């Protein structure tokens, strides 16, 4: 009986350690991602799209990471990707093209404040706003 109590206590301690280690790793991962992504987002007049992974498909199709329901946007329009805090956008064969600050692009680095035009839609690439 006594060994069962010790086993239960040991199991509880192991669970607490695992929970603590998971919490610490989640926080460290969030800090690494924040540094990698530079906490950027895309926004239009209505929506804010948080950029939460290193490769993001933008398009009209339901499988797109950022879905823009506008017929002027191709089903698979553009790809965003980030490496070492540098965001790039690539036109992936869209019909209407990708424009950054009014200039047509195939593959270009993005900077804060850039206006990305996909079809008839304008998206602003900016630092994430902190909501209180």
C-alpha atoms as a PDB file:
ATOM      1  CA  UNK A   1       0.000   0.000   0.000  1.00  0.00           C
ATOM      2  CA  UNK A   2       2.789   2.373   0.959  1.00  0.00           C
ATOM      3  CA  UNK A   3       4.597   1.817  -2.376  1.00  0.00           C
ATOM      4  CA  UNK A   4       1.402   2.694  -4.264  1.00  0.00           C
ATOM      5  CA  UNK A   5       1.255   6.045  -2.436  1.00  0.00           C
ATOM      6  CA  UNK A   6       4.901   6.755  -3.296  1.00  0.00           C
ATOM      7  CA  UNK A   7       4.262   5.831  -6.919  1.00  0.00           C
ATOM      8  CA  UNK A   8       1.252   8.176  -7.055  1.00  0.00           C
ATOM      9  CA  UNK A   9       3.249  11.037  -5.498  1.00  0.00           C
ATOM     10  CA  UNK A  10       6.130  10.409  -7.923  1.00  0.00           C
ATOM     11  CA  UNK A  11       3.710  10.387 -10.840  1.00  0.00           C
ATOM     12  CA  UNK A  12       2.205  13.707  -9.665  1.00  0.00           C
ATOM     13  CA  UNK A  13       5.680  15.269  -9.375  1.00  0.00           C
ATOM     14  CA  UNK A  14       6.560  14.085 -12.893  1.00  0.00           C
ATOM     15  CA  UNK A  15       3.329  15.572 -14.257  1.00  0.00           C
ATOM     16  CA  UNK A  16       4.038  18.923 -12.562  1.00  0.00           C
ATOM     17  CA  UNK A  17       7.587  18.980 -13.973  1.00  0.00           C
ATOM     18  CA  UNK A  18       6.291  18.205 -17.472  1.00  0.00           C
ATOM     19  CA  UNK A  19       3.679  20.951 -17.246  1.00  0.00           C
ATOM     20  CA  UNK A  20       6.300  23.460 -16.083  1.00  0.00           C
ATOM     21  CA  UNK A  21       8.800  22.476 -18.805  1.00  0.00           C
ATOM     22  CA  UNK A  22       6.057  22.714 -21.453  1.00  0.00           C
ATOM     23  CA  UNK A  23       5.110  26.189 -20.245  1.00  0.00           C
ATOM     24  CA  UNK A  24       8.733  27.382 -20.306  1.00  0.00           C
ATOM     25  CA  UNK A  25       9.266  25.930 -23.806  1.00  0.00           C
ATOM     26  CA  UNK A  26       6.048  27.542 -25.084  1.00  0.00           C
ATOM     27  CA  UNK A  27       7.205  30.953 -23.821  1.00  0.00           C
ATOM     28  CA  UNK A  28      10.681  30.461 -25.329  1.00  0.00           C
ATOM     29  CA  UNK A  29       9.129  29.399 -28.644  1.00  0.00           C
ATOM     30  CA  UNK A  30       6.936  32.514 -28.664  1.00  0.00           C
ATOM     31  CA  UNK A  31      10.006  34.708 -28.072  1.00  0.00           C
ATOM     32  CA  UNK A  32      11.919  32.954 -30.888  1.00  0.00           C
ATOM     33  CA  UNK A  33       8.968  33.351 -33.277  1.00  0.00           C
ATOM     34  CA  UNK A  34       8.575  37.012 -32.312  1.00  0.00           C
ATOM     35  CA  UNK A  35      12.224  37.595 -33.188  1.00  0.00           C
ATOM     36  CA  UNK A  36      11.979  35.574 -36.409  1.00  0.00           C
ATOM     37  CA  UNK A  37       8.728  37.159 -37.608  1.00  0.00           C
ATOM     38  CA  UNK A  38       9.395  40.672 -36.283  1.00  0.00           C
ATOM     39  CA  UNK A  39       5.735  40.679 -35.094  1.00  0.00           C
ATOM     40  CA  UNK A  40       4.282  41.716 -38.445  1.00  0.00           C
ATOM     41  CA  UNK A  41       0.689  41.562 -39.675  1.00  0.00           C
ATOM     42  CA  UNK A  42      -1.358  42.322 -42.781  1.00  0.00           C
ATOM     43  CA  UNK A  43      -4.400  44.530 -42.557  1.00  0.00           C
ATOM     44  CA  UNK A  44      -7.069  46.010 -44.786  1.00  0.00           C
ATOM     45  CA  UNK A  45     -10.015  48.261 -43.974  1.00  0.00           C
ATOM     46  CA  UNK A  46     -11.808  45.482 -42.079  1.00  0.00           C
ATOM     47  CA  UNK A  47      -9.484  42.583 -41.269  1.00  0.00           C
ATOM     48  CA  UNK A  48      -6.224  42.059 -39.430  1.00  0.00           C
ATOM     49  CA  UNK A  49      -4.274  38.965 -40.454  1.00  0.00           C
ATOM     50  CA  UNK A  50      -1.668  37.850 -37.924  1.00  0.00           C
ATOM     51  CA  UNK A  51       1.356  36.282 -39.574  1.00  0.00           C
ATOM     52  CA  UNK A  52       1.883  33.301 -37.308  1.00  0.00           C
ATOM     53  CA  UNK A  53       3.923  30.872 -39.384  1.00  0.00           C
ATOM     54  CA  UNK A  54       6.909  31.088 -41.686  1.00  0.00           C
ATOM     55  CA  UNK A  55       5.026  30.328 -44.911  1.00  0.00           C
ATOM     56  CA  UNK A  56       1.582  31.769 -45.624  1.00  0.00           C
ATOM     57  CA  UNK A  57      -0.555  31.168 -48.695  1.00  0.00           C
ATOM     58  CA  UNK A  58      -2.797  34.070 -49.701  1.00  0.00           C
ATOM     59  CA  UNK A  59      -5.717  33.551 -52.039  1.00  0.00           C
ATOM     60  CA  UNK A  60      -9.425  33.071 -52.555  1.00  0.00           C
ATOM     61  CA  UNK A  61      -9.446  29.280 -52.062  1.00  0.00           C
ATOM     62  CA  UNK A  62     -10.755  27.832 -48.791  1.00  0.00           C
ATOM     63  CA  UNK A  63      -7.371  26.186 -48.136  1.00  0.00           C
ATOM     64  CA  UNK A  64      -5.489  29.522 -48.191  1.00  0.00           C
ATOM     65  CA  UNK A  65      -3.985  30.616 -44.870  1.00  0.00           C
ATOM     66  CA  UNK A  66      -5.195  34.148 -45.565  1.00  0.00           C
ATOM     67  CA  UNK A  67      -8.447  33.868 -47.484  1.00  0.00           C
ATOM     68  CA  UNK A  68      -9.582  36.906 -49.446  1.00  0.00           C
ATOM     69  CA  UNK A  69     -13.080  36.441 -50.786  1.00  0.00           C
ATOM     70  CA  UNK A  70     -12.848  38.676 -53.824  1.00  0.00           C
ATOM     71  CA  UNK A  71     -13.129  37.427 -57.413  1.00  0.00           C
ATOM     72  CA  UNK A  72     -10.234  39.686 -58.450  1.00  0.00           C
ATOM     73  CA  UNK A  73      -7.923  37.596 -56.227  1.00  0.00           C
ATOM     74  CA  UNK A  74      -6.725  34.277 -57.644  1.00  0.00           C
ATOM     75  CA  UNK A  75      -7.465  31.071 -55.760  1.00  0.00           C
ATOM     76  CA  UNK A  76      -3.730  30.751 -55.069  1.00  0.00           C
ATOM     77  CA  UNK A  77      -2.402  34.272 -55.476  1.00  0.00           C
ATOM     78  CA  UNK A  78       0.749  34.830 -53.422  1.00  0.00           C
ATOM     79  CA  UNK A  79       3.034  33.281 -50.833  1.00  0.00           C
ATOM     80  CA  UNK A  80       4.512  35.101 -47.855  1.00  0.00           C
ATOM     81  CA  UNK A  81       7.538  33.632 -46.157  1.00  0.00           C
ATOM     82  CA  UNK A  82       9.931  34.819 -43.460  1.00  0.00           C
ATOM     83  CA  UNK A  83      13.534  33.987 -42.697  1.00  0.00           C
ATOM     84  CA  UNK A  84      15.550  35.790 -40.018  1.00  0.00           C
ATOM     85  CA  UNK A  85      12.961  38.537 -39.731  1.00  0.00           C
ATOM     86  CA  UNK A  86      12.905  39.284 -43.464  1.00  0.00           C
ATOM     87  CA  UNK A  87       9.458  38.856 -45.002  1.00  0.00           C
ATOM     88  CA  UNK A  88       9.208  38.111 -48.720  1.00  0.00           C
ATOM     89  CA  UNK A  89       6.187  37.961 -51.010  1.00  0.00           C
ATOM     90  CA  UNK A  90       6.067  35.841 -54.155  1.00  0.00           C
ATOM     91  CA  UNK A  91       3.480  35.883 -56.928  1.00  0.00           C
ATOM     92  CA  UNK A  92       2.582  32.221 -57.464  1.00  0.00           C
ATOM     93  CA  UNK A  93       0.993  32.541 -60.879  1.00  0.00           C
ATOM     94  CA  UNK A  94      -1.898  34.879 -60.167  1.00  0.00           C
ATOM     95  CA  UNK A  95      -3.934  36.298 -63.030  1.00  0.00           C
ATOM     96  CA  UNK A  96      -3.897  39.928 -61.867  1.00  0.00           C
ATOM     97  CA  UNK A  97      -0.383  39.971 -60.398  1.00  0.00           C
ATOM     98  CA  UNK A  98       1.089  41.185 -57.128  1.00  0.00           C
ATOM     99  CA  UNK A  99       1.956  44.835 -56.625  1.00  0.00           C
ATOM    100  CA  UNK A 100       3.964  46.344 -53.781  1.00  0.00           C
ATOM    101  CA  UNK A 101       3.619  50.110 -53.438  1.00  0.00           C
ATOM    102  CA  UNK A 102       2.133  50.227 -56.940  1.00  0.00           C
ATOM    103  CA  UNK A 103       4.979  48.320 -58.625  1.00  0.00           C
ATOM    104  CA  UNK A 104       4.438  44.850 -60.130  1.00  0.00           C
ATOM    105  CA  UNK A 105       6.607  42.199 -58.440  1.00  0.00           C
ATOM    106  CA  UNK A 106       7.340  38.483 -58.790  1.00  0.00           C
ATOM    107  CA  UNK A 107       9.399  38.080 -55.605  1.00  0.00           C
ATOM    108  CA  UNK A 108      10.384  40.937 -53.300  1.00  0.00           C
ATOM    109  CA  UNK A 109      11.285  41.713 -49.701  1.00  0.00           C
ATOM    110  CA  UNK A 110       8.613  43.524 -47.690  1.00  0.00           C
ATOM    111  CA  UNK A 111       9.171  46.465 -45.358  1.00  0.00           C
ATOM    112  CA  UNK A 112       6.915  47.960 -42.719  1.00  0.00           C
ATOM    113  CA  UNK A 113       4.285  50.189 -44.306  1.00  0.00           C
ATOM    114  CA  UNK A 114       4.375  48.496 -47.718  1.00  0.00           C
ATOM    115  CA  UNK A 115       1.022  48.358 -49.499  1.00  0.00           C
ATOM    116  CA  UNK A 116       0.421  45.007 -51.182  1.00  0.00           C
ATOM    117  CA  UNK A 117      -2.186  44.939 -53.933  1.00  0.00           C
ATOM    118  CA  UNK A 118      -3.766  41.623 -54.881  1.00  0.00           C
ATOM    119  CA  UNK A 119      -6.492  42.075 -57.486  1.00  0.00           C
ATOM    120  CA  UNK A 120      -8.679  44.923 -56.203  1.00  0.00           C
ATOM    121  CA  UNK A 121      -7.587  44.468 -52.580  1.00  0.00           C
ATOM    122  CA  UNK A 122      -4.958  46.501 -50.754  1.00  0.00           C
ATOM    123  CA  UNK A 123      -3.231  45.064 -47.699  1.00  0.00           C
ATOM    124  CA  UNK A 124      -0.856  46.998 -45.466  1.00  0.00           C
ATOM    125  CA  UNK A 125       2.187  45.196 -44.079  1.00  0.00           C
ATOM    126  CA  UNK A 126       2.806  46.611 -40.607  1.00  0.00           C
ATOM    127  CA  UNK A 127       4.021  45.928 -37.095  1.00  0.00           C
ATOM    128  CA  UNK A 128       1.454  44.103 -35.001  1.00  0.00           C
ATOM    129  CA  UNK A 129      -0.658  46.416 -32.913  1.00  0.00           C
ATOM    130  CA  UNK A 130      -0.833  45.620 -29.207  1.00  0.00           C
ATOM    131  CA  UNK A 131      -4.476  45.474 -28.129  1.00  0.00           C
ATOM    132  CA  UNK A 132      -5.220  46.146 -24.483  1.00  0.00           C
END
